Structure formats: structure tokens, C-alpha cells
């Protein structure tokens, strides 16, 4: 299974003090040496972490393919077409959210989305849609001409944390925390089965499938077992571990878990 390392959180740390350090560009050679298969960055409309100059330098200097996440706003699509990353993953954005909270509502933004896909593909950029694992949404993703889909794994990650972690320490208010463990275990199994079924179906239609959001060293093995998912994009957990181990070892540890 391929690993895309999302280096946004290096920029988050830099922006906390805005003194230029650490520089996400310095991560590129480390990611390559540690066996990462792709660099992922999210150029948000509010520029809260990755900046335009970061995106430019990373795409121009990366030893690995770059997956640029961005909103479907025309300004962002124009930037992507100028930068020409290997792939663009189109995601929903809300200014007030801490991180992307759900998948792209394809029908809600159909004209804008179709125009974005057309422009990106005209510039020879692969297009992926970041979506919730939902049957109708997978079918629509194929219909609008995307080459990839990426499943938002937030629901799975939350359920896994409720069962095996300590989600009560987070700032989320989640009613399921009060559910019996037997029910949570079944919900987790159902979510995994749903992703497997939808991933298999997507591949049959010609789509390539990735997954990401909330994946970490504790919950990733079950996703790895879904053979038709060929790529995971993981950032926060790798960067968090790197504070203690260094970025190279943190990537190596994750790569070891991705072996099938």
C-alpha cells in the first residue's frame, strides 16, 4: 500500500510563531529516504498553514509526486493549474473548522465541480475527490470524470478511538461515547465493511481509491486490510510522532504497518 505523507502540520508549527521555522520544504528529502510514496499538502483558502510559496517550492523541488488538496473555488483551481502538481484532491472547506470535517457534496456543487475537473484535466493533472464512503457519492464521482476518490475515514477513526482509545479527552461532543461497547464494536465493523464494499465497487468502475483522515498507528491496520484501497494519506499522527522520534523513523514506523 502506498503512503502519502501530509506535511501540513509542519507548517502549522511554523505559523504558530511565524518565524520561518520549521520549513516544510526540509521534509522532502527525509520523506523520500524513509520510503514515502507521495507528498500531500492542503492549500486552504484562509492560508492557515501551507502558503502559496510553500506550495510552489514543494511542487518544484519534491522528489516524490505531490498531491495538492484544495477547495473547488475558481481561485484555488487557477493556482493549482499554474503549479501543476501530480494530483489535485478536491475537498470541502469551512473557515471555522479545525480540519476537514466531511466529504465533498458532489451534487451541491455540480457546475463548479465539473468546471474544476475540466480545467485540471486540461492541464494534465489527475483529479481525486475527497468523499464520504457512500454508494451514491461514489457513483457520482465516477460520473463527473474523476480518476481517484479518497474516502474520508473520520467516522471510522472516531469509532475506533471510542472502543480502543481515550476519545473522552478530546474536545468533541460525541453521543456515541455513551453507547455500549458491543454496539460500538458492531458500528466499527459495519463501517469497515461499508468501505470495503464501496472500494471494491469503485475499482470495478475504473476509479482508484485512497483513504485518509484521522488515521494513526493504532487504527490503520484494518484499513490496510482492504485490498482495493491502494493509498493512504496520513499527516497529523506522523508529524506528532516525529516530535519524539524524528520524521524519518515516524514514516518508517507507518510504512511497516502498511505492509500487506
C-alpha atoms as a PDB file:
ATOM      1  CA  UNK A   1       0.000   0.000   0.000  1.00  0.00           C
ATOM      2  CA  UNK A   2       1.247   3.488  -0.897  1.00  0.00           C
ATOM      3  CA  UNK A   3       1.775   6.191   1.721  1.00  0.00           C
ATOM      4  CA  UNK A   4       1.227   9.875   1.119  1.00  0.00           C
ATOM      5  CA  UNK A   5       2.731  11.938   3.928  1.00  0.00           C
ATOM      6  CA  UNK A   6       0.775  15.109   4.630  1.00  0.00           C
ATOM      7  CA  UNK A   7       3.243  17.759   5.823  1.00  0.00           C
ATOM      8  CA  UNK A   8       0.689  20.481   6.626  1.00  0.00           C
ATOM      9  CA  UNK A   9       1.361  20.199  10.356  1.00  0.00           C
ATOM     10  CA  UNK A  10       4.967  21.225   9.881  1.00  0.00           C
ATOM     11  CA  UNK A  11       3.583  24.489   8.540  1.00  0.00           C
ATOM     12  CA  UNK A  12       1.104  24.629  11.453  1.00  0.00           C
ATOM     13  CA  UNK A  13       4.062  24.622  13.851  1.00  0.00           C
ATOM     14  CA  UNK A  14       5.828  27.317  11.856  1.00  0.00           C
ATOM     15  CA  UNK A  15       2.747  29.534  11.696  1.00  0.00           C
ATOM     16  CA  UNK A  16       2.380  29.363  15.487  1.00  0.00           C
ATOM     17  CA  UNK A  17       5.378  31.700  15.731  1.00  0.00           C
ATOM     18  CA  UNK A  18       5.616  32.893  12.099  1.00  0.00           C
ATOM     19  CA  UNK A  19       9.400  32.916  12.206  1.00  0.00           C
ATOM     20  CA  UNK A  20      10.032  30.665   9.194  1.00  0.00           C
ATOM     21  CA  UNK A  21      10.996  27.580  11.202  1.00  0.00           C
ATOM     22  CA  UNK A  22      10.383  24.689  10.635  1.00  0.00           C
ATOM     23  CA  UNK A  23      10.259  24.847   6.847  1.00  0.00           C
ATOM     24  CA  UNK A  24       8.058  22.159   5.220  1.00  0.00           C
ATOM     25  CA  UNK A  25      10.493  22.093   2.305  1.00  0.00           C
ATOM     26  CA  UNK A  26      13.086  20.471   4.570  1.00  0.00           C
ATOM     27  CA  UNK A  27      10.817  17.437   4.930  1.00  0.00           C
ATOM     28  CA  UNK A  28      11.006  16.430   1.265  1.00  0.00           C
ATOM     29  CA  UNK A  29      14.312  14.575   1.277  1.00  0.00           C
ATOM     30  CA  UNK A  30      13.508  12.913   4.613  1.00  0.00           C
ATOM     31  CA  UNK A  31      10.180  11.638   3.290  1.00  0.00           C
ATOM     32  CA  UNK A  32      11.884  10.249   0.205  1.00  0.00           C
ATOM     33  CA  UNK A  33      14.644   8.478   2.155  1.00  0.00           C
ATOM     34  CA  UNK A  34      12.139   6.994   4.623  1.00  0.00           C
ATOM     35  CA  UNK A  35      10.083   5.405   1.858  1.00  0.00           C
ATOM     36  CA  UNK A  36       7.113   7.726   1.480  1.00  0.00           C
ATOM     37  CA  UNK A  37       5.420   7.429  -1.903  1.00  0.00           C
ATOM     38  CA  UNK A  38       3.832  10.873  -2.128  1.00  0.00           C
ATOM     39  CA  UNK A  39       3.800  14.311  -0.522  1.00  0.00           C
ATOM     40  CA  UNK A  40       0.387  15.707   0.344  1.00  0.00           C
ATOM     41  CA  UNK A  41      -0.292  19.359   1.162  1.00  0.00           C
ATOM     42  CA  UNK A  42      -3.515  21.313   1.639  1.00  0.00           C
ATOM     43  CA  UNK A  43      -3.523  24.892   0.397  1.00  0.00           C
ATOM     44  CA  UNK A  44      -6.524  26.232   2.274  1.00  0.00           C
ATOM     45  CA  UNK A  45      -8.365  29.368   1.212  1.00  0.00           C
ATOM     46  CA  UNK A  46      -7.533  31.048   4.540  1.00  0.00           C
ATOM     47  CA  UNK A  47      -3.827  30.029   4.254  1.00  0.00           C
ATOM     48  CA  UNK A  48      -3.783  28.877   7.877  1.00  0.00           C
ATOM     49  CA  UNK A  49      -0.742  26.650   7.370  1.00  0.00           C
ATOM     50  CA  UNK A  50       0.616  25.939   3.864  1.00  0.00           C
ATOM     51  CA  UNK A  51       1.254  29.195   1.992  1.00  0.00           C
ATOM     52  CA  UNK A  52       1.387  29.814  -1.754  1.00  0.00           C
ATOM     53  CA  UNK A  53       5.178  29.988  -1.634  1.00  0.00           C
ATOM     54  CA  UNK A  54       5.281  26.625   0.182  1.00  0.00           C
ATOM     55  CA  UNK A  55       3.139  25.001  -2.476  1.00  0.00           C
ATOM     56  CA  UNK A  56       5.288  26.447  -5.259  1.00  0.00           C
ATOM     57  CA  UNK A  57       8.606  25.332  -3.760  1.00  0.00           C
ATOM     58  CA  UNK A  58       7.346  21.910  -2.688  1.00  0.00           C
ATOM     59  CA  UNK A  59       5.901  21.098  -6.111  1.00  0.00           C
ATOM     60  CA  UNK A  60       9.017  22.374  -7.886  1.00  0.00           C
ATOM     61  CA  UNK A  61      11.505  20.565  -5.650  1.00  0.00           C
ATOM     62  CA  UNK A  62       9.790  17.393  -4.442  1.00  0.00           C
ATOM     63  CA  UNK A  63      11.483  14.090  -5.206  1.00  0.00           C
ATOM     64  CA  UNK A  64       8.043  12.479  -4.950  1.00  0.00           C
ATOM     65  CA  UNK A  65       4.679  13.128  -6.628  1.00  0.00           C
ATOM     66  CA  UNK A  66       2.742  15.916  -4.927  1.00  0.00           C
ATOM     67  CA  UNK A  67      -0.944  15.655  -4.103  1.00  0.00           C
ATOM     68  CA  UNK A  68      -2.374  19.148  -3.635  1.00  0.00           C
ATOM     69  CA  UNK A  69      -5.603  19.323  -1.658  1.00  0.00           C
ATOM     70  CA  UNK A  70      -7.739  22.388  -2.270  1.00  0.00           C
ATOM     71  CA  UNK A  71     -11.297  23.690  -2.452  1.00  0.00           C
ATOM     72  CA  UNK A  72     -13.167  23.921  -5.747  1.00  0.00           C
ATOM     73  CA  UNK A  73     -13.191  27.734  -5.598  1.00  0.00           C
ATOM     74  CA  UNK A  74     -12.089  29.107  -9.012  1.00  0.00           C
ATOM     75  CA  UNK A  75      -9.165  30.989  -7.438  1.00  0.00           C
ATOM     76  CA  UNK A  76      -7.797  27.754  -5.969  1.00  0.00           C
ATOM     77  CA  UNK A  77      -8.254  25.835  -9.206  1.00  0.00           C
ATOM     78  CA  UNK A  78      -6.371  28.539 -11.115  1.00  0.00           C
ATOM     79  CA  UNK A  79      -3.500  28.289  -8.624  1.00  0.00           C
ATOM     80  CA  UNK A  80      -3.443  24.506  -8.979  1.00  0.00           C
ATOM     81  CA  UNK A  81      -3.379  24.736 -12.781  1.00  0.00           C
ATOM     82  CA  UNK A  82      -0.415  27.113 -12.562  1.00  0.00           C
ATOM     83  CA  UNK A  83       1.513  24.965 -10.068  1.00  0.00           C
ATOM     84  CA  UNK A  84       0.736  21.678 -11.865  1.00  0.00           C
ATOM     85  CA  UNK A  85       1.064  19.106  -9.066  1.00  0.00           C
ATOM     86  CA  UNK A  86       0.829  15.431  -9.964  1.00  0.00           C
ATOM     87  CA  UNK A  87      -2.678  15.263  -8.486  1.00  0.00           C
ATOM     88  CA  UNK A  88      -5.290  17.596  -7.038  1.00  0.00           C
ATOM     89  CA  UNK A  89      -7.680  16.305  -4.408  1.00  0.00           C
ATOM     90  CA  UNK A  90     -10.791  18.458  -4.238  1.00  0.00           C
ATOM     91  CA  UNK A  91     -12.089  18.883  -0.704  1.00  0.00           C
ATOM     92  CA  UNK A  92     -14.848  20.849   1.048  1.00  0.00           C
ATOM     93  CA  UNK A  93     -13.775  23.741   3.265  1.00  0.00           C
ATOM     94  CA  UNK A  94     -15.347  25.675   6.114  1.00  0.00           C
ATOM     95  CA  UNK A  95     -13.419  28.591   7.550  1.00  0.00           C
ATOM     96  CA  UNK A  96     -14.386  27.756  11.141  1.00  0.00           C
ATOM     97  CA  UNK A  97     -13.421  24.064  11.061  1.00  0.00           C
ATOM     98  CA  UNK A  98     -10.177  22.853  12.633  1.00  0.00           C
ATOM     99  CA  UNK A  99      -9.746  20.192   9.968  1.00  0.00           C
ATOM    100  CA  UNK A 100     -11.851  18.856   7.088  1.00  0.00           C
ATOM    101  CA  UNK A 101     -14.975  17.500   8.745  1.00  0.00           C
ATOM    102  CA  UNK A 102     -16.595  15.574   5.914  1.00  0.00           C
ATOM    103  CA  UNK A 103     -16.551  14.630   2.288  1.00  0.00           C
ATOM    104  CA  UNK A 104     -17.352  16.688  -0.778  1.00  0.00           C
ATOM    105  CA  UNK A 105     -21.056  17.064  -1.542  1.00  0.00           C
ATOM    106  CA  UNK A 106     -20.847  16.410  -5.256  1.00  0.00           C
ATOM    107  CA  UNK A 107     -24.417  17.283  -6.202  1.00  0.00           C
ATOM    108  CA  UNK A 108     -24.385  20.506  -4.198  1.00  0.00           C
ATOM    109  CA  UNK A 109     -21.548  21.982  -6.240  1.00  0.00           C
ATOM    110  CA  UNK A 110     -22.073  20.261  -9.557  1.00  0.00           C
ATOM    111  CA  UNK A 111     -21.452  23.121 -12.072  1.00  0.00           C
ATOM    112  CA  UNK A 112     -18.450  24.436 -10.147  1.00  0.00           C
ATOM    113  CA  UNK A 113     -17.104  20.941  -9.658  1.00  0.00           C
ATOM    114  CA  UNK A 114     -17.422  19.989 -13.321  1.00  0.00           C
ATOM    115  CA  UNK A 115     -15.613  23.150 -14.350  1.00  0.00           C
ATOM    116  CA  UNK A 116     -12.827  22.497 -11.840  1.00  0.00           C
ATOM    117  CA  UNK A 117     -12.327  18.920 -13.048  1.00  0.00           C
ATOM    118  CA  UNK A 118     -12.293  20.031 -16.671  1.00  0.00           C
ATOM    119  CA  UNK A 119      -9.660  22.714 -16.040  1.00  0.00           C
ATOM    120  CA  UNK A 120      -7.426  20.416 -14.023  1.00  0.00           C
ATOM    121  CA  UNK A 121      -7.546  17.584 -16.526  1.00  0.00           C
ATOM    122  CA  UNK A 122      -6.919  20.009 -19.390  1.00  0.00           C
ATOM    123  CA  UNK A 123      -3.687  20.854 -17.547  1.00  0.00           C
ATOM    124  CA  UNK A 124      -2.845  17.130 -17.289  1.00  0.00           C
ATOM    125  CA  UNK A 125      -3.446  16.975 -13.527  1.00  0.00           C
ATOM    126  CA  UNK A 126      -5.050  13.884 -12.004  1.00  0.00           C
ATOM    127  CA  UNK A 127      -8.243  14.612 -10.091  1.00  0.00           C
ATOM    128  CA  UNK A 128      -9.314  12.975  -6.849  1.00  0.00           C
ATOM    129  CA  UNK A 129     -12.488  13.721  -4.902  1.00  0.00           C
ATOM    130  CA  UNK A 130     -12.448  13.563  -1.104  1.00  0.00           C
ATOM    131  CA  UNK A 131     -15.778  11.941  -0.289  1.00  0.00           C
ATOM    132  CA  UNK A 132     -17.667  10.172   2.457  1.00  0.00           C
ATOM    133  CA  UNK A 133     -17.938   6.395   1.933  1.00  0.00           C
ATOM    134  CA  UNK A 134     -21.416   6.484   0.429  1.00  0.00           C
ATOM    135  CA  UNK A 135     -22.658   4.448  -2.555  1.00  0.00           C
ATOM    136  CA  UNK A 136     -24.405   7.289  -4.398  1.00  0.00           C
ATOM    137  CA  UNK A 137     -21.428   9.611  -3.920  1.00  0.00           C
ATOM    138  CA  UNK A 138     -19.031   7.023  -5.343  1.00  0.00           C
ATOM    139  CA  UNK A 139     -21.245   6.663  -8.415  1.00  0.00           C
ATOM    140  CA  UNK A 140     -21.406  10.436  -8.870  1.00  0.00           C
ATOM    141  CA  UNK A 141     -17.635  10.720  -8.546  1.00  0.00           C
ATOM    142  CA  UNK A 142     -17.266   8.358 -11.478  1.00  0.00           C
ATOM    143  CA  UNK A 143     -19.931  10.196 -13.450  1.00  0.00           C
ATOM    144  CA  UNK A 144     -18.205  13.580 -13.161  1.00  0.00           C
ATOM    145  CA  UNK A 145     -14.958  12.128 -14.504  1.00  0.00           C
ATOM    146  CA  UNK A 146     -12.635  11.879 -11.510  1.00  0.00           C
ATOM    147  CA  UNK A 147      -9.753   9.413 -11.734  1.00  0.00           C
ATOM    148  CA  UNK A 148      -9.495   8.914  -7.954  1.00  0.00           C
ATOM    149  CA  UNK A 149     -11.660   9.015  -4.887  1.00  0.00           C
ATOM    150  CA  UNK A 150     -10.365   9.375  -1.349  1.00  0.00           C
ATOM    151  CA  UNK A 151     -12.584   8.131   1.445  1.00  0.00           C
ATOM    152  CA  UNK A 152     -12.963  10.387   4.466  1.00  0.00           C
ATOM    153  CA  UNK A 153     -12.186   7.952   7.292  1.00  0.00           C
ATOM    154  CA  UNK A 154     -13.150  10.270  10.152  1.00  0.00           C
ATOM    155  CA  UNK A 155     -16.183   8.224  11.246  1.00  0.00           C
ATOM    156  CA  UNK A 156     -14.099   5.052  11.306  1.00  0.00           C
ATOM    157  CA  UNK A 157     -11.300   6.768  13.255  1.00  0.00           C
ATOM    158  CA  UNK A 158     -13.742   8.139  15.836  1.00  0.00           C
ATOM    159  CA  UNK A 159     -15.403   4.764  16.349  1.00  0.00           C
ATOM    160  CA  UNK A 160     -12.014   3.100  16.739  1.00  0.00           C
ATOM    161  CA  UNK A 161     -10.985   5.689  19.329  1.00  0.00           C
ATOM    162  CA  UNK A 162     -14.225   5.207  21.247  1.00  0.00           C
ATOM    163  CA  UNK A 163     -13.526   1.493  21.519  1.00  0.00           C
ATOM    164  CA  UNK A 164      -9.781   1.357  21.963  1.00  0.00           C
ATOM    165  CA  UNK A 165      -8.559   4.865  22.717  1.00  0.00           C
ATOM    166  CA  UNK A 166      -9.484   7.719  25.022  1.00  0.00           C
ATOM    167  CA  UNK A 167     -11.664   9.969  22.911  1.00  0.00           C
ATOM    168  CA  UNK A 168     -13.187  11.456  26.071  1.00  0.00           C
ATOM    169  CA  UNK A 169     -10.095  13.659  26.366  1.00  0.00           C
ATOM    170  CA  UNK A 170     -10.773  15.326  23.037  1.00  0.00           C
ATOM    171  CA  UNK A 171     -12.873  18.439  22.553  1.00  0.00           C
ATOM    172  CA  UNK A 172     -15.504  16.594  20.508  1.00  0.00           C
ATOM    173  CA  UNK A 173     -19.030  16.091  21.780  1.00  0.00           C
ATOM    174  CA  UNK A 174     -19.969  12.653  20.506  1.00  0.00           C
ATOM    175  CA  UNK A 175     -23.180  10.983  21.740  1.00  0.00           C
ATOM    176  CA  UNK A 176     -21.885   7.542  20.740  1.00  0.00           C
ATOM    177  CA  UNK A 177     -19.460   7.691  23.678  1.00  0.00           C
ATOM    178  CA  UNK A 178     -22.358   6.573  25.872  1.00  0.00           C
ATOM    179  CA  UNK A 179     -23.202   3.540  23.729  1.00  0.00           C
ATOM    180  CA  UNK A 180     -22.396   0.013  24.961  1.00  0.00           C
ATOM    181  CA  UNK A 181     -19.127  -1.381  23.658  1.00  0.00           C
ATOM    182  CA  UNK A 182     -20.955  -4.202  21.877  1.00  0.00           C
ATOM    183  CA  UNK A 183     -22.872  -1.687  19.791  1.00  0.00           C
ATOM    184  CA  UNK A 184     -19.761   0.388  19.094  1.00  0.00           C
ATOM    185  CA  UNK A 185     -17.917  -2.749  18.007  1.00  0.00           C
ATOM    186  CA  UNK A 186     -20.691  -3.564  15.547  1.00  0.00           C
ATOM    187  CA  UNK A 187     -20.741   0.028  14.249  1.00  0.00           C
ATOM    188  CA  UNK A 188     -17.000  -0.166  13.645  1.00  0.00           C
ATOM    189  CA  UNK A 189     -17.330  -3.495  11.827  1.00  0.00           C
ATOM    190  CA  UNK A 190     -20.172  -2.082   9.711  1.00  0.00           C
ATOM    191  CA  UNK A 191     -18.114   0.991   8.769  1.00  0.00           C
ATOM    192  CA  UNK A 192     -15.178  -1.173   7.689  1.00  0.00           C
ATOM    193  CA  UNK A 193     -17.431  -3.459   5.670  1.00  0.00           C
ATOM    194  CA  UNK A 194     -19.040  -0.445   4.032  1.00  0.00           C
ATOM    195  CA  UNK A 195     -15.657   0.964   2.981  1.00  0.00           C
ATOM    196  CA  UNK A 196     -14.552  -2.412   1.655  1.00  0.00           C
ATOM    197  CA  UNK A 197     -17.746  -2.874  -0.362  1.00  0.00           C
ATOM    198  CA  UNK A 198     -17.607   0.648  -1.791  1.00  0.00           C
ATOM    199  CA  UNK A 199     -13.892   0.442  -2.543  1.00  0.00           C
ATOM    200  CA  UNK A 200     -14.377  -2.833  -4.412  1.00  0.00           C
ATOM    201  CA  UNK A 201     -17.276  -1.305  -6.347  1.00  0.00           C
ATOM    202  CA  UNK A 202     -15.291   1.838  -7.179  1.00  0.00           C
ATOM    203  CA  UNK A 203     -12.378  -0.158  -8.571  1.00  0.00           C
ATOM    204  CA  UNK A 204     -14.762  -2.168 -10.759  1.00  0.00           C
ATOM    205  CA  UNK A 205     -15.926   1.095 -12.350  1.00  0.00           C
ATOM    206  CA  UNK A 206     -12.331   2.179 -13.063  1.00  0.00           C
ATOM    207  CA  UNK A 207     -11.733   4.514 -10.128  1.00  0.00           C
ATOM    208  CA  UNK A 208      -8.600   4.374  -7.995  1.00  0.00           C
ATOM    209  CA  UNK A 209      -9.188   4.514  -4.259  1.00  0.00           C
ATOM    210  CA  UNK A 210      -7.307   6.270  -1.472  1.00  0.00           C
ATOM    211  CA  UNK A 211      -8.300   6.958   2.132  1.00  0.00           C
ATOM    212  CA  UNK A 212      -7.388   9.370   4.886  1.00  0.00           C
ATOM    213  CA  UNK A 213      -8.383  11.491   7.865  1.00  0.00           C
ATOM    214  CA  UNK A 214      -7.800  10.536  11.471  1.00  0.00           C
ATOM    215  CA  UNK A 215      -5.671   7.504  10.601  1.00  0.00           C
ATOM    216  CA  UNK A 216      -2.877   6.713  13.036  1.00  0.00           C
ATOM    217  CA  UNK A 217      -0.579   3.972  14.291  1.00  0.00           C
ATOM    218  CA  UNK A 218      -3.378   2.369  16.314  1.00  0.00           C
ATOM    219  CA  UNK A 219      -6.176   2.202  13.732  1.00  0.00           C
ATOM    220  CA  UNK A 220      -4.539   1.878  10.332  1.00  0.00           C
ATOM    221  CA  UNK A 221      -4.176  -1.920  10.109  1.00  0.00           C
ATOM    222  CA  UNK A 222      -7.882  -2.539   9.489  1.00  0.00           C
ATOM    223  CA  UNK A 223      -7.856  -0.086   6.577  1.00  0.00           C
ATOM    224  CA  UNK A 224      -4.707  -1.667   5.150  1.00  0.00           C
ATOM    225  CA  UNK A 225      -6.585  -4.972   5.000  1.00  0.00           C
ATOM    226  CA  UNK A 226      -8.945  -3.531   2.350  1.00  0.00           C
ATOM    227  CA  UNK A 227      -7.025  -4.600  -0.732  1.00  0.00           C
ATOM    228  CA  UNK A 228      -8.719  -2.303  -3.226  1.00  0.00           C
ATOM    229  CA  UNK A 229      -7.606   0.790  -1.286  1.00  0.00           C
ATOM    230  CA  UNK A 230      -4.180   1.459  -2.750  1.00  0.00           C
ATOM    231  CA  UNK A 231      -3.088   4.636  -0.958  1.00  0.00           C
ATOM    232  CA  UNK A 232      -3.395   6.291   2.441  1.00  0.00           C
ATOM    233  CA  UNK A 233      -2.732   9.971   3.086  1.00  0.00           C
ATOM    234  CA  UNK A 234      -1.659  10.484   6.695  1.00  0.00           C
ATOM    235  CA  UNK A 235      -0.303  13.610   8.333  1.00  0.00           C
ATOM    236  CA  UNK A 236      -1.081  14.590  11.910  1.00  0.00           C
ATOM    237  CA  UNK A 237      -0.177  11.287  13.561  1.00  0.00           C
ATOM    238  CA  UNK A 238       3.127  11.027  11.660  1.00  0.00           C
ATOM    239  CA  UNK A 239       4.146  14.605  12.416  1.00  0.00           C
ATOM    240  CA  UNK A 240       3.085  14.186  16.069  1.00  0.00           C
ATOM    241  CA  UNK A 241       5.272  11.079  16.453  1.00  0.00           C
ATOM    242  CA  UNK A 242       8.150  12.806  14.694  1.00  0.00           C
ATOM    243  CA  UNK A 243       8.379  15.315  17.557  1.00  0.00           C
ATOM    244  CA  UNK A 244       9.718  12.444  19.674  1.00  0.00           C
ATOM    245  CA  UNK A 245      11.334  10.100  17.132  1.00  0.00           C
ATOM    246  CA  UNK A 246      12.279  12.275  14.178  1.00  0.00           C
ATOM    247  CA  UNK A 247      10.395  12.381  10.888  1.00  0.00           C
ATOM    248  CA  UNK A 248      12.286   9.544   9.197  1.00  0.00           C
ATOM    249  CA  UNK A 249      11.612   6.945  11.915  1.00  0.00           C
ATOM    250  CA  UNK A 250       7.977   8.084  12.196  1.00  0.00           C
ATOM    251  CA  UNK A 251       7.471   7.429   8.468  1.00  0.00           C
ATOM    252  CA  UNK A 252       9.287   4.096   8.667  1.00  0.00           C
ATOM    253  CA  UNK A 253       7.024   3.017  11.530  1.00  0.00           C
ATOM    254  CA  UNK A 254       3.939   3.857   9.487  1.00  0.00           C
ATOM    255  CA  UNK A 255       5.289   2.171   6.360  1.00  0.00           C
ATOM    256  CA  UNK A 256       5.807  -1.003   8.371  1.00  0.00           C
ATOM    257  CA  UNK A 257       2.108  -1.006   9.273  1.00  0.00           C
ATOM    258  CA  UNK A 258       1.122  -0.584   5.618  1.00  0.00           C
ATOM    259  CA  UNK A 259       2.764  -3.826   4.533  1.00  0.00           C
ATOM    260  CA  UNK A 260       0.187  -6.393   3.389  1.00  0.00           C
END
